[in-house]
Amino acid sequence: MANFSEILDQAKKMQEKMKQTQEMIKNLEITGNAGGNLVKITLNGDSEIKKIDIDKSIFNEKKEMLEDLIIAAHTDAKQKLKIKTNEEISKVTGGVNLPEGFKFPL
């Protein structure tokens, strides 16, 4: 059985790795797209919109179509961000899934 100080050392190392991972995730930029790249939305790791790119050819379409494409591109970016975030956290936790919304005390 490992002694308590070794377990604490491992927990501190994991906490530091998680802190580094969280910082890296904040700096991510993930782009989602819709309509065959007619609309692209880039989110940062905090899910904030950093950029919206709309192909000018779409402006000839109905307003509702553009609105739907914006929503679809945003949804795509959020899904990609969630996948990337889970991949990065999984590297730290050794594949152990953490509960939704779990935060390490930092």
N, C-alpha and C. Protein backbone atom coordinates (compact mmCIF):
# COMPACT_ATOMS: atom_id res chain seq x y z
N MET A 1 0.84 -1.18 0.00
CA MET A 1 0.00 0.00 0.00
C MET A 1 0.89 1.25 0.00
N ALA A 2 0.58 2.18 -0.89
CA ALA A 2 1.36 3.41 -0.99
C ALA A 2 1.14 4.27 0.24
N ASN A 3 2.18 4.98 0.64
CA ASN A 3 1.99 5.80 1.82
C ASN A 3 1.25 7.09 1.46
N PHE A 4 0.72 7.72 2.46
CA PHE A 4 -0.16 8.88 2.28
C PHE A 4 0.54 10.04 1.59
N SER A 5 1.80 10.27 1.90
CA SER A 5 2.52 11.39 1.29
C SER A 5 2.72 11.17 -0.21
N GLU A 6 2.90 9.93 -0.62
CA GLU A 6 3.01 9.63 -2.05
C GLU A 6 1.70 9.92 -2.77
N ILE A 7 0.60 9.56 -2.14
CA ILE A 7 -0.73 9.82 -2.72
C ILE A 7 -0.95 11.33 -2.84
N LEU A 8 -0.57 12.08 -1.79
CA LEU A 8 -0.70 13.53 -1.84
C LEU A 8 0.16 14.14 -2.95
N ASP A 9 1.39 13.64 -3.10
CA ASP A 9 2.27 14.13 -4.16
C ASP A 9 1.66 13.88 -5.54
N GLN A 10 1.09 12.69 -5.72
CA GLN A 10 0.46 12.37 -7.01
C GLN A 10 -0.75 13.27 -7.25
N ALA A 11 -1.52 13.53 -6.21
CA ALA A 11 -2.69 14.41 -6.34
C ALA A 11 -2.26 15.83 -6.70
N LYS A 12 -1.18 16.31 -6.10
CA LYS A 12 -0.68 17.65 -6.40
C LYS A 12 -0.19 17.73 -7.85
N LYS A 13 0.49 16.68 -8.31
CA LYS A 13 0.96 16.65 -9.70
C LYS A 13 -0.22 16.65 -10.66
N MET A 14 -1.23 15.86 -10.34
CA MET A 14 -2.42 15.81 -11.19
C MET A 14 -3.12 17.17 -11.19
N GLN A 15 -3.19 17.80 -10.05
CA GLN A 15 -3.83 19.11 -9.94
C GLN A 15 -3.08 20.13 -10.80
N GLU A 16 -1.75 20.10 -10.77
CA GLU A 16 -0.96 21.02 -11.57
C GLU A 16 -1.15 20.74 -13.06
N LYS A 17 -1.18 19.47 -13.44
CA LYS A 17 -1.42 19.13 -14.84
C LYS A 17 -2.81 19.60 -15.28
N MET A 18 -3.79 19.45 -14.39
CA MET A 18 -5.14 19.89 -14.72
C MET A 18 -5.18 21.40 -14.89
N LYS A 19 -4.46 22.12 -14.04
CA LYS A 19 -4.41 23.58 -14.15
C LYS A 19 -3.80 23.98 -15.49
N GLN A 20 -2.72 23.32 -15.87
CA GLN A 20 -2.08 23.60 -17.16
C GLN A 20 -3.02 23.27 -18.31
N THR A 21 -3.74 22.16 -18.20
CA THR A 21 -4.68 21.75 -19.23
C THR A 21 -5.82 22.76 -19.35
N GLN A 22 -6.32 23.23 -18.21
CA GLN A 22 -7.41 24.21 -18.25
C GLN A 22 -6.94 25.51 -18.91
N GLU A 23 -5.72 25.92 -18.66
CA GLU A 23 -5.18 27.12 -19.31
C GLU A 23 -5.06 26.90 -20.82
N MET A 24 -4.58 25.72 -21.20
CA MET A 24 -4.45 25.39 -22.61
C MET A 24 -5.83 25.39 -23.28
N ILE A 25 -6.82 24.83 -22.60
CA ILE A 25 -8.18 24.79 -23.15
C ILE A 25 -8.73 26.19 -23.34
N LYS A 26 -8.49 27.08 -22.39
CA LYS A 26 -8.95 28.47 -22.52
C LYS A 26 -8.41 29.12 -23.79
N ASN A 27 -7.21 28.73 -24.18
CA ASN A 27 -6.56 29.33 -25.34
C ASN A 27 -6.89 28.64 -26.67
N LEU A 28 -7.67 27.58 -26.60
CA LEU A 28 -8.07 26.89 -27.82
C LEU A 28 -8.92 27.80 -28.69
N GLU A 29 -8.86 27.58 -29.97
CA GLU A 29 -9.81 28.19 -30.90
C GLU A 29 -10.30 27.08 -31.81
N ILE A 30 -11.59 26.84 -31.76
CA ILE A 30 -12.23 25.77 -32.51
C ILE A 30 -13.24 26.39 -33.46
N THR A 31 -13.22 25.94 -34.71
CA THR A 31 -14.13 26.49 -35.71
C THR A 31 -15.17 25.45 -36.11
N GLY A 32 -16.42 25.86 -36.05
CA GLY A 32 -17.52 25.05 -36.55
C GLY A 32 -18.02 25.67 -37.84
N ASN A 33 -18.61 24.84 -38.68
CA ASN A 33 -19.09 25.38 -39.95
C ASN A 33 -20.43 24.77 -40.32
N ALA A 34 -21.08 25.42 -41.27
CA ALA A 34 -22.37 24.94 -41.77
C ALA A 34 -22.53 25.39 -43.21
N GLY A 35 -23.39 24.69 -43.91
CA GLY A 35 -23.67 25.06 -45.29
C GLY A 35 -22.47 24.90 -46.20
N GLY A 36 -21.68 23.86 -45.97
CA GLY A 36 -20.49 23.66 -46.81
C GLY A 36 -19.51 24.79 -46.67
N ASN A 37 -19.29 25.22 -45.45
CA ASN A 37 -18.35 26.30 -45.11
C ASN A 37 -18.84 27.69 -45.50
N LEU A 38 -20.12 27.85 -45.76
CA LEU A 38 -20.65 29.19 -46.04
C LEU A 38 -20.66 30.04 -44.78
N VAL A 39 -20.85 29.38 -43.63
CA VAL A 39 -20.82 30.08 -42.34
C VAL A 39 -19.85 29.34 -41.44
N LYS A 40 -18.91 30.09 -40.85
CA LYS A 40 -17.94 29.53 -39.91
C LYS A 40 -17.97 30.38 -38.64
N ILE A 41 -17.97 29.69 -37.52
CA ILE A 41 -17.92 30.38 -36.22
C ILE A 41 -16.76 29.79 -35.43
N THR A 42 -15.91 30.66 -34.91
CA THR A 42 -14.77 30.24 -34.11
C THR A 42 -15.03 30.61 -32.65
N LEU A 43 -14.90 29.60 -31.79
CA LEU A 43 -15.06 29.78 -30.35
C LEU A 43 -13.72 29.61 -29.67
N ASN A 44 -13.54 30.30 -28.53
CA ASN A 44 -12.37 30.00 -27.71
C ASN A 44 -12.75 28.92 -26.70
N GLY A 45 -11.83 28.55 -25.86
CA GLY A 45 -12.06 27.48 -24.89
C GLY A 45 -13.10 27.79 -23.84
N ASP A 46 -13.46 29.06 -23.70
CA ASP A 46 -14.53 29.46 -22.77
C ASP A 46 -15.88 29.56 -23.48
N SER A 47 -15.94 29.05 -24.71
CA SER A 47 -17.15 29.07 -25.55
C SER A 47 -17.57 30.47 -25.97
N GLU A 48 -16.64 31.40 -25.94
CA GLU A 48 -16.93 32.75 -26.42
C GLU A 48 -16.68 32.82 -27.92
N ILE A 49 -17.57 33.50 -28.64
CA ILE A 49 -17.38 33.65 -30.08
C ILE A 49 -16.22 34.62 -30.32
N LYS A 50 -15.24 34.15 -31.07
CA LYS A 50 -14.08 34.97 -31.41
C LYS A 50 -14.16 35.50 -32.84
N LYS A 51 -14.86 34.75 -33.71
CA LYS A 51 -14.92 35.17 -35.10
C LYS A 51 -16.13 34.53 -35.76
N ILE A 52 -16.76 35.30 -36.64
CA ILE A 52 -17.83 34.78 -37.49
C ILE A 52 -17.44 35.12 -38.92
N ASP A 53 -17.44 34.11 -39.77
CA ASP A 53 -17.10 34.30 -41.18
C ASP A 53 -18.30 33.83 -42.01
N ILE A 54 -18.89 34.77 -42.73
CA ILE A 54 -20.06 34.46 -43.55
C ILE A 54 -19.70 34.75 -45.00
N ASP A 55 -19.80 33.72 -45.83
CA ASP A 55 -19.53 33.89 -47.26
C ASP A 55 -20.57 34.84 -47.85
N LYS A 56 -20.11 35.81 -48.62
CA LYS A 56 -21.04 36.83 -49.12
C LYS A 56 -22.09 36.26 -50.07
N SER A 57 -21.86 35.10 -50.64
CA SER A 57 -22.85 34.51 -51.55
C SER A 57 -24.15 34.15 -50.83
N ILE A 58 -24.08 33.95 -49.51
CA ILE A 58 -25.27 33.57 -48.74
C ILE A 58 -26.22 34.75 -48.55
N PHE A 59 -25.76 35.96 -48.75
CA PHE A 59 -26.61 37.13 -48.54
C PHE A 59 -27.74 37.23 -49.56
N ASN A 60 -27.65 36.45 -50.63
CA ASN A 60 -28.72 36.42 -51.62
C ASN A 60 -29.86 35.49 -51.20
N GLU A 61 -29.66 34.74 -50.15
CA GLU A 61 -30.66 33.79 -49.66
C GLU A 61 -31.58 34.47 -48.65
N LYS A 62 -32.60 33.72 -48.24
CA LYS A 62 -33.53 34.25 -47.24
C LYS A 62 -32.83 34.41 -45.90
N LYS A 63 -33.27 35.40 -45.17
CA LYS A 63 -32.72 35.71 -43.84
C LYS A 63 -32.78 34.50 -42.92
N GLU A 64 -33.88 33.75 -42.97
CA GLU A 64 -34.06 32.59 -42.10
C GLU A 64 -32.99 31.53 -42.36
N MET A 65 -32.59 31.39 -43.63
CA MET A 65 -31.56 30.40 -43.97
C MET A 65 -30.24 30.79 -43.32
N LEU A 66 -29.89 32.05 -43.40
CA LEU A 66 -28.64 32.53 -42.78
C LEU A 66 -28.70 32.32 -41.27
N GLU A 67 -29.83 32.64 -40.66
CA GLU A 67 -29.97 32.43 -39.22
C GLU A 67 -29.78 30.97 -38.85
N ASP A 68 -30.39 30.08 -39.64
CA ASP A 68 -30.25 28.63 -39.37
C ASP A 68 -28.80 28.18 -39.52
N LEU A 69 -28.11 28.72 -40.53
CA LEU A 69 -26.70 28.34 -40.74
C LEU A 69 -25.81 28.85 -39.61
N ILE A 70 -26.11 30.03 -39.10
CA ILE A 70 -25.34 30.56 -37.96
C ILE A 70 -25.52 29.66 -36.75
N ILE A 71 -26.76 29.28 -36.48
CA ILE A 71 -27.03 28.39 -35.34
C ILE A 71 -26.33 27.05 -35.54
N ALA A 72 -26.40 26.50 -36.74
CA ALA A 72 -25.77 25.21 -37.02
C ALA A 72 -24.25 25.28 -36.87
N ALA A 73 -23.64 26.37 -37.34
CA ALA A 73 -22.18 26.52 -37.22
C ALA A 73 -21.78 26.66 -35.76
N HIS A 74 -22.56 27.40 -34.99
CA HIS A 74 -22.29 27.55 -33.56
C HIS A 74 -22.41 26.21 -32.85
N THR A 75 -23.44 25.46 -33.16
CA THR A 75 -23.64 24.14 -32.56
C THR A 75 -22.47 23.22 -32.92
N ASP A 76 -22.02 23.26 -34.16
CA ASP A 76 -20.89 22.45 -34.60
C ASP A 76 -19.63 22.82 -33.83
N ALA A 77 -19.39 24.11 -33.66
CA ALA A 77 -18.20 24.55 -32.93
C ALA A 77 -18.27 24.12 -31.47
N LYS A 78 -19.44 24.25 -30.84
CA LYS A 78 -19.58 23.85 -29.44
C LYS A 78 -19.34 22.35 -29.28
N GLN A 79 -19.85 21.55 -30.21
CA GLN A 79 -19.65 20.09 -30.14
C GLN A 79 -18.17 19.75 -30.30
N LYS A 80 -17.50 20.38 -31.25
CA LYS A 80 -16.07 20.14 -31.46
C LYS A 80 -15.27 20.56 -30.23
N LEU A 81 -15.64 21.68 -29.62
CA LEU A 81 -14.96 22.15 -28.42
C LEU A 81 -15.14 21.17 -27.27
N LYS A 82 -16.34 20.66 -27.12
CA LYS A 82 -16.61 19.69 -26.05
C LYS A 82 -15.77 18.42 -26.24
N ILE A 83 -15.68 17.95 -27.46
CA ILE A 83 -14.88 16.76 -27.75
C ILE A 83 -13.41 17.01 -27.44
N LYS A 84 -12.89 18.16 -27.91
CA LYS A 84 -11.47 18.49 -27.68
C LYS A 84 -11.19 18.66 -26.20
N THR A 85 -12.09 19.32 -25.48
CA THR A 85 -11.93 19.51 -24.04
C THR A 85 -11.89 18.16 -23.33
N ASN A 86 -12.82 17.28 -23.67
CA ASN A 86 -12.84 15.95 -23.06
C ASN A 86 -11.58 15.16 -23.36
N GLU A 87 -11.06 15.29 -24.59
CA GLU A 87 -9.81 14.61 -24.94
C GLU A 87 -8.65 15.09 -24.09
N GLU A 88 -8.55 16.41 -23.92
CA GLU A 88 -7.44 16.97 -23.15
C GLU A 88 -7.55 16.62 -21.67
N ILE A 89 -8.73 16.67 -21.12
CA ILE A 89 -8.91 16.32 -19.71
C ILE A 89 -8.66 14.83 -19.50
N SER A 90 -9.05 14.02 -20.47
CA SER A 90 -8.84 12.58 -20.37
C SER A 90 -7.34 12.24 -20.31
N LYS A 91 -6.52 13.05 -20.98
CA LYS A 91 -5.07 12.83 -20.92
C LYS A 91 -4.56 12.99 -19.49
N VAL A 92 -5.14 13.92 -18.76
CA VAL A 92 -4.71 14.18 -17.39
C VAL A 92 -5.25 13.14 -16.43
N THR A 93 -6.50 12.76 -16.63
CA THR A 93 -7.16 11.85 -15.69
C THR A 93 -6.94 10.38 -16.03
N GLY A 94 -6.19 10.13 -17.08
CA GLY A 94 -5.93 8.75 -17.45
C GLY A 94 -7.17 8.04 -17.98
N GLY A 95 -8.06 8.80 -18.57
CA GLY A 95 -9.27 8.22 -19.15
C GLY A 95 -10.44 8.12 -18.21
N VAL A 96 -10.25 8.50 -16.95
CA VAL A 96 -11.35 8.46 -16.00
C VAL A 96 -12.28 9.63 -16.31
N ASN A 97 -13.55 9.32 -16.55
CA ASN A 97 -14.52 10.38 -16.85
C ASN A 97 -14.91 11.09 -15.57
N LEU A 98 -14.83 12.42 -15.62
CA LEU A 98 -15.23 13.23 -14.48
C LEU A 98 -16.69 13.61 -14.63
N PRO A 99 -17.38 13.83 -13.54
CA PRO A 99 -18.78 14.24 -13.63
C PRO A 99 -18.92 15.57 -14.38
N GLU A 100 -20.06 15.74 -15.07
CA GLU A 100 -20.35 16.98 -15.81
C GLU A 100 -20.19 18.19 -14.88
N GLY A 101 -19.44 19.17 -15.33
CA GLY A 101 -19.26 20.40 -14.56
C GLY A 101 -18.24 20.29 -13.45
N PHE A 102 -17.57 19.15 -13.32
CA PHE A 102 -16.57 18.97 -12.25
C PHE A 102 -15.40 19.91 -12.47
N LYS A 103 -14.98 20.58 -11.41
CA LYS A 103 -13.84 21.49 -11.46
C LYS A 103 -12.85 21.08 -10.38
N PHE A 104 -11.58 21.00 -10.75
CA PHE A 104 -10.55 20.78 -9.75
C PHE A 104 -10.39 22.08 -8.97
N PRO A 105 -10.16 21.99 -7.68
CA PRO A 105 -9.92 23.22 -6.92
C PRO A 105 -8.58 23.82 -7.32
N LEU A 106 -8.62 25.01 -7.89
CA LEU A 106 -7.38 25.65 -8.35
C LEU A 106 -7.19 26.98 -7.68
